[in-house]
Amino acid sequence: MLSRPVGGDVVMRGQLKRLVEVAELPNVTLQVLPFEVGAHAGMDGTFTILSFPEASDPDVVYAENATGGLFLEKSDELQKYSFIFDHIRAAAIRPEESIAHIAKLAEEPLWKWRPRSSP
């Protein structure tokens, strides 16, 4: 989460700046899914779609959960996660805007000006 400080201010700023650097690589596409989107298909948990260059190596989904993760290989599972990924990507802001947003957060982090709620 871009606006949830973990590790302190210096660590967070360093991580955000590193994301901006990595986003310039030709094989990286970085997009931010803003809170305004509300509920979305990816809220069930994090996952990674692994694709391999060899046709004999089929795509695999790695779905994380609280106790570890699962490797999913069935065609219907791959289709479901590809569908979810496409919808998340479509709802996210464009890569250029995402990079600019992250760069701004590195300079003016939200966690610095958000008031903390009292217990």
Protein backbone atom coordinates (compact mmCIF):
# COMPACT_ATOMS: atom_id res chain seq x y z
CA MET A 1 0.00 0.00 0.00
CA LEU A 2 1.46 3.27 -1.07
CA SER A 3 0.01 5.35 1.73
CA ARG A 4 0.43 2.94 4.66
CA PRO A 5 3.82 3.62 6.26
CA VAL A 6 5.73 0.48 7.12
CA GLY A 7 9.32 0.81 8.28
CA GLY A 8 9.25 4.55 8.88
CA ASP A 9 9.49 7.62 6.70
CA VAL A 10 12.98 7.02 5.30
CA VAL A 11 12.20 3.43 4.33
CA MET A 12 8.89 4.35 2.71
CA ARG A 13 10.37 7.20 0.69
CA GLY A 14 13.21 4.95 -0.46
CA GLN A 15 10.79 2.26 -1.56
CA LEU A 16 8.61 4.73 -3.46
CA LYS A 17 11.63 6.21 -5.21
CA ARG A 18 12.79 2.71 -6.12
CA LEU A 19 9.39 1.94 -7.65
CA VAL A 20 9.72 5.04 -9.85
CA GLU A 21 13.21 3.93 -10.95
CA VAL A 22 12.11 0.38 -11.77
CA ALA A 23 9.05 1.64 -13.65
CA GLU A 24 11.41 3.10 -16.26
CA LEU A 25 12.61 -0.37 -17.27
CA PRO A 26 11.24 -1.56 -20.62
CA ASN A 27 9.84 -4.79 -19.16
CA VAL A 28 7.96 -3.13 -16.26
CA THR A 29 4.48 -1.63 -16.27
CA LEU A 30 3.44 0.00 -13.03
CA GLN A 31 -0.15 1.07 -12.38
CA VAL A 32 -1.88 2.33 -9.25
CA LEU A 33 -5.38 1.23 -8.39
CA PRO A 34 -6.82 4.23 -6.50
CA PHE A 35 -8.98 3.87 -3.42
CA GLU A 36 -11.80 5.63 -5.28
CA VAL A 37 -12.32 2.47 -7.35
CA GLY A 38 -13.84 0.90 -4.26
CA ALA A 39 -14.48 -2.83 -4.21
CA HIS A 40 -12.73 -4.68 -7.01
CA ALA A 41 -12.08 -8.20 -8.22
CA GLY A 42 -8.60 -8.40 -6.70
CA MET A 43 -9.72 -7.93 -3.12
CA ASP A 44 -9.86 -11.66 -2.47
CA GLY A 45 -6.08 -11.82 -2.24
CA THR A 46 -2.83 -11.34 -4.06
CA PHE A 47 -1.83 -13.45 -7.00
CA THR A 48 0.84 -13.68 -9.65
CA ILE A 49 0.37 -15.00 -13.18
CA LEU A 50 3.55 -16.74 -14.27
CA SER A 51 4.12 -17.04 -18.01
CA PHE A 52 7.03 -18.90 -19.56
CA PRO A 53 8.71 -18.51 -22.95
CA GLU A 54 8.55 -22.20 -23.81
CA ALA A 55 5.22 -23.36 -25.23
CA SER A 56 5.65 -26.64 -23.38
CA ASP A 57 5.60 -24.75 -20.06
CA PRO A 58 1.99 -23.70 -19.41
CA ASP A 59 1.05 -20.54 -17.52
CA VAL A 60 0.58 -20.90 -13.78
CA VAL A 61 -1.15 -18.74 -11.17
CA TYR A 62 0.38 -18.42 -7.73
CA ALA A 63 -2.36 -17.34 -5.30
CA GLU A 64 -1.20 -16.25 -1.84
CA ASN A 65 -3.16 -16.75 1.34
CA ALA A 66 -2.61 -16.48 5.10
CA THR A 67 -0.92 -19.88 5.33
CA GLY A 68 1.22 -19.76 2.20
CA GLY A 69 0.03 -20.11 -1.33
CA LEU A 70 -1.24 -22.33 -4.08
CA PHE A 71 -0.08 -22.99 -7.62
CA LEU A 72 -3.08 -23.17 -9.94
CA GLU A 73 -2.70 -24.73 -13.37
CA LYS A 74 -6.20 -25.62 -14.59
CA SER A 75 -7.41 -23.75 -17.65
CA ASP A 76 -10.55 -22.39 -15.95
CA GLU A 77 -8.46 -21.11 -13.02
CA LEU A 78 -6.03 -19.37 -15.35
CA GLN A 79 -8.92 -17.78 -17.25
CA LYS A 80 -10.51 -16.52 -14.03
CA TYR A 81 -7.30 -14.89 -12.80
CA SER A 82 -6.54 -13.43 -16.24
CA PHE A 83 -10.05 -11.93 -16.22
CA ILE A 84 -9.49 -10.47 -12.73
CA PHE A 85 -6.10 -9.06 -13.76
CA ASP A 86 -7.53 -7.45 -16.89
CA HIS A 87 -10.29 -5.78 -14.86
CA ILE A 88 -7.86 -4.47 -12.25
CA ARG A 89 -5.57 -3.12 -14.96
CA ALA A 90 -8.50 -1.42 -16.71
CA ALA A 91 -9.63 0.24 -13.46
CA ALA A 92 -6.13 1.45 -12.55
CA ILE A 93 -4.77 4.81 -13.59
CA ARG A 94 -2.46 4.91 -16.60
CA PRO A 95 1.20 4.00 -16.08
CA GLU A 96 2.46 7.57 -16.66
CA GLU A 97 -0.01 8.97 -14.12
CA SER A 98 0.79 6.15 -11.69
CA ILE A 99 4.52 6.88 -11.82
CA ALA A 100 3.90 10.60 -11.33
CA HIS A 101 1.61 9.84 -8.38
CA ILE A 102 4.23 7.62 -6.72
CA ALA A 103 6.98 10.20 -7.31
CA LYS A 104 4.79 12.85 -5.66
CA LEU A 105 4.11 10.56 -2.68
CA ALA A 106 7.87 10.09 -2.25
CA GLU A 107 8.22 13.87 -1.90
CA GLU A 108 4.92 14.62 -0.12
CA PRO A 109 3.81 11.43 1.63
CA LEU A 110 0.21 11.12 2.74
CA TRP A 111 1.23 9.58 6.06
CA LYS A 112 2.91 12.87 7.02
CA TRP A 113 -0.25 14.98 6.89
CA ARG A 114 -3.01 12.56 7.75
CA PRO A 115 -4.16 13.11 11.32
CA ARG A 116 -3.98 10.05 13.52
CA SER A 117 -7.21 8.97 15.11
CA SER A 118 -7.31 8.89 18.88
CA PRO A 119 -8.12 5.59 20.60
